[in-house]
């Protein structure tokens, strides 16, 4: 089955939802797996988009999908922020008072 560009956008949206779920569970291994899969989907979309432009009739749905992906991204960042702060704190050398 040939996937349309819109199908590719939907696939990226679904993967962003899976990434969000993994981030909320703090399952960073699953998050990384989803991130890798999402990167592959973006690459496929990019290649396909160069060969066949998205029909004008699909632009509104693409915009809605992109908005949902951006909302997922913001929620992922919010879920990951405490973990990133912990990593940052662990990376700083401790100061000993003598």
C-alpha atoms as a PDB file:
ATOM      1  CA  UNK A   1       0.000   0.000   0.000  1.00  0.00           C
ATOM      2  CA  UNK A   2       1.317   3.416  -0.945  1.00  0.00           C
ATOM      3  CA  UNK A   3       1.084   5.875   1.900  1.00  0.00           C
ATOM      4  CA  UNK A   4      -0.007   9.393   1.117  1.00  0.00           C
ATOM      5  CA  UNK A   5       1.787  12.378   2.585  1.00  0.00           C
ATOM      6  CA  UNK A   6      -1.157  12.900   4.902  1.00  0.00           C
ATOM      7  CA  UNK A   7      -0.761   9.301   6.108  1.00  0.00           C
ATOM      8  CA  UNK A   8       2.881  10.091   6.895  1.00  0.00           C
ATOM      9  CA  UNK A   9       1.862  13.165   8.911  1.00  0.00           C
ATOM     10  CA  UNK A  10      -0.663  11.020  10.787  1.00  0.00           C
ATOM     11  CA  UNK A  11       2.043   8.464  11.518  1.00  0.00           C
ATOM     12  CA  UNK A  12       4.310  11.139  12.954  1.00  0.00           C
ATOM     13  CA  UNK A  13       1.433  12.413  15.074  1.00  0.00           C
ATOM     14  CA  UNK A  14       0.765   8.906  16.412  1.00  0.00           C
ATOM     15  CA  UNK A  15       4.443   8.451  17.214  1.00  0.00           C
ATOM     16  CA  UNK A  16       4.518  11.810  19.026  1.00  0.00           C
ATOM     17  CA  UNK A  17       1.603  10.562  21.153  1.00  0.00           C
ATOM     18  CA  UNK A  18       3.585   7.426  22.007  1.00  0.00           C
ATOM     19  CA  UNK A  19       6.612   9.565  22.880  1.00  0.00           C
ATOM     20  CA  UNK A  20       4.433  11.665  25.176  1.00  0.00           C
ATOM     21  CA  UNK A  21       3.050   8.577  26.914  1.00  0.00           C
ATOM     22  CA  UNK A  22       6.579   7.239  27.446  1.00  0.00           C
ATOM     23  CA  UNK A  23       7.771  10.606  28.796  1.00  0.00           C
ATOM     24  CA  UNK A  24       4.844  10.819  31.205  1.00  0.00           C
ATOM     25  CA  UNK A  25       5.732   7.334  32.490  1.00  0.00           C
ATOM     26  CA  UNK A  26       9.407   8.330  32.579  1.00  0.00           C
ATOM     27  CA  UNK A  27      10.163   5.325  30.415  1.00  0.00           C
ATOM     28  CA  UNK A  28      13.189   6.880  28.732  1.00  0.00           C
ATOM     29  CA  UNK A  29      14.198   3.687  26.895  1.00  0.00           C
ATOM     30  CA  UNK A  30      10.783   3.519  25.227  1.00  0.00           C
ATOM     31  CA  UNK A  31      10.928   7.260  24.626  1.00  0.00           C
ATOM     32  CA  UNK A  32      14.237   6.878  22.782  1.00  0.00           C
ATOM     33  CA  UNK A  33      12.824   4.007  20.695  1.00  0.00           C
ATOM     34  CA  UNK A  34       9.838   6.156  19.738  1.00  0.00           C
ATOM     35  CA  UNK A  35      12.086   9.117  19.001  1.00  0.00           C
ATOM     36  CA  UNK A  36      14.219   7.008  16.659  1.00  0.00           C
ATOM     37  CA  UNK A  37      11.105   5.719  14.890  1.00  0.00           C
ATOM     38  CA  UNK A  38       9.747   9.252  14.614  1.00  0.00           C
ATOM     39  CA  UNK A  39      12.993  10.477  13.050  1.00  0.00           C
ATOM     40  CA  UNK A  40      12.702   7.724  10.433  1.00  0.00           C
ATOM     41  CA  UNK A  41       9.105   8.750   9.692  1.00  0.00           C
ATOM     42  CA  UNK A  42      10.146  12.386   9.283  1.00  0.00           C
ATOM     43  CA  UNK A  43      12.885  11.340   6.871  1.00  0.00           C
ATOM     44  CA  UNK A  44      10.399   9.280   4.844  1.00  0.00           C
ATOM     45  CA  UNK A  45       7.970  12.186   4.764  1.00  0.00           C
ATOM     46  CA  UNK A  46      10.691  14.571   3.652  1.00  0.00           C
ATOM     47  CA  UNK A  47      11.752  12.314   0.793  1.00  0.00           C
ATOM     48  CA  UNK A  48       8.190  11.753  -0.329  1.00  0.00           C
ATOM     49  CA  UNK A  49       7.296  15.458  -0.079  1.00  0.00           C
ATOM     50  CA  UNK A  50      10.079  16.311  -2.511  1.00  0.00           C
ATOM     51  CA  UNK A  51       8.632  13.902  -5.071  1.00  0.00           C
ATOM     52  CA  UNK A  52       4.934  14.653  -4.596  1.00  0.00           C
ATOM     53  CA  UNK A  53       3.615  17.887  -3.106  1.00  0.00           C
ATOM     54  CA  UNK A  54       0.708  17.768  -0.682  1.00  0.00           C
ATOM     55  CA  UNK A  55      -2.572  18.521  -2.457  1.00  0.00           C
ATOM     56  CA  UNK A  56      -4.123  21.864  -1.545  1.00  0.00           C
ATOM     57  CA  UNK A  57      -7.199  20.032  -0.260  1.00  0.00           C
ATOM     58  CA  UNK A  58      -5.061  18.401   2.483  1.00  0.00           C
ATOM     59  CA  UNK A  59      -3.430  21.579   3.804  1.00  0.00           C
ATOM     60  CA  UNK A  60      -6.017  22.261   6.517  1.00  0.00           C
ATOM     61  CA  UNK A  61      -5.747  18.732   7.908  1.00  0.00           C
ATOM     62  CA  UNK A  62      -1.946  18.924   7.778  1.00  0.00           C
ATOM     63  CA  UNK A  63      -2.090  22.165   9.792  1.00  0.00           C
ATOM     64  CA  UNK A  64      -4.332  20.544  12.409  1.00  0.00           C
ATOM     65  CA  UNK A  65      -1.993  17.546  12.658  1.00  0.00           C
ATOM     66  CA  UNK A  66       1.027  19.836  13.030  1.00  0.00           C
ATOM     67  CA  UNK A  67      -0.695  21.762  15.840  1.00  0.00           C
ATOM     68  CA  UNK A  68      -1.370  18.523  17.704  1.00  0.00           C
ATOM     69  CA  UNK A  69       2.253  17.428  17.210  1.00  0.00           C
ATOM     70  CA  UNK A  70       3.450  20.761  18.615  1.00  0.00           C
ATOM     71  CA  UNK A  71       1.146  20.384  21.639  1.00  0.00           C
ATOM     72  CA  UNK A  72       2.539  16.884  22.204  1.00  0.00           C
ATOM     73  CA  UNK A  73       6.061  18.279  21.944  1.00  0.00           C
ATOM     74  CA  UNK A  74       5.326  20.941  24.569  1.00  0.00           C
ATOM     75  CA  UNK A  75       3.851  18.302  26.892  1.00  0.00           C
ATOM     76  CA  UNK A  76       6.893  16.057  26.335  1.00  0.00           C
ATOM     77  CA  UNK A  77       9.195  18.921  27.292  1.00  0.00           C
ATOM     78  CA  UNK A  78       7.151  19.586  30.430  1.00  0.00           C
ATOM     79  CA  UNK A  79       7.299  15.903  31.389  1.00  0.00           C
ATOM     80  CA  UNK A  80      11.043  15.696  30.743  1.00  0.00           C
ATOM     81  CA  UNK A  81      12.025  18.927  32.505  1.00  0.00           C
ATOM     82  CA  UNK A  82      12.316  17.454  36.034  1.00  0.00           C
ATOM     83  CA  UNK A  83      14.436  14.600  34.678  1.00  0.00           C
ATOM     84  CA  UNK A  84      16.661  17.050  32.797  1.00  0.00           C
ATOM     85  CA  UNK A  85      17.123  19.141  35.953  1.00  0.00           C
ATOM     86  CA  UNK A  86      18.172  16.014  37.828  1.00  0.00           C
ATOM     87  CA  UNK A  87      20.696  15.171  35.119  1.00  0.00           C
ATOM     88  CA  UNK A  88      22.018  18.726  35.205  1.00  0.00           C
ATOM     89  CA  UNK A  89      22.440  18.575  38.977  1.00  0.00           C
ATOM     90  CA  UNK A  90      24.266  15.248  38.740  1.00  0.00           C
ATOM     91  CA  UNK A  91      26.590  16.613  36.067  1.00  0.00           C
ATOM     92  CA  UNK A  92      27.745  19.579  38.191  1.00  0.00           C
ATOM     93  CA  UNK A  93      30.771  18.921  40.371  1.00  0.00           C
ATOM     94  CA  UNK A  94      29.953  19.008  44.043  1.00  0.00           C
ATOM     95  CA  UNK A  95      31.498  21.776  46.070  1.00  0.00           C
ATOM     96  CA  UNK A  96      33.115  20.651  49.294  1.00  0.00           C
ATOM     97  CA  UNK A  97      33.411  23.144  52.127  1.00  0.00           C
ATOM     98  CA  UNK A  98      36.511  22.788  54.187  1.00  0.00           C
END
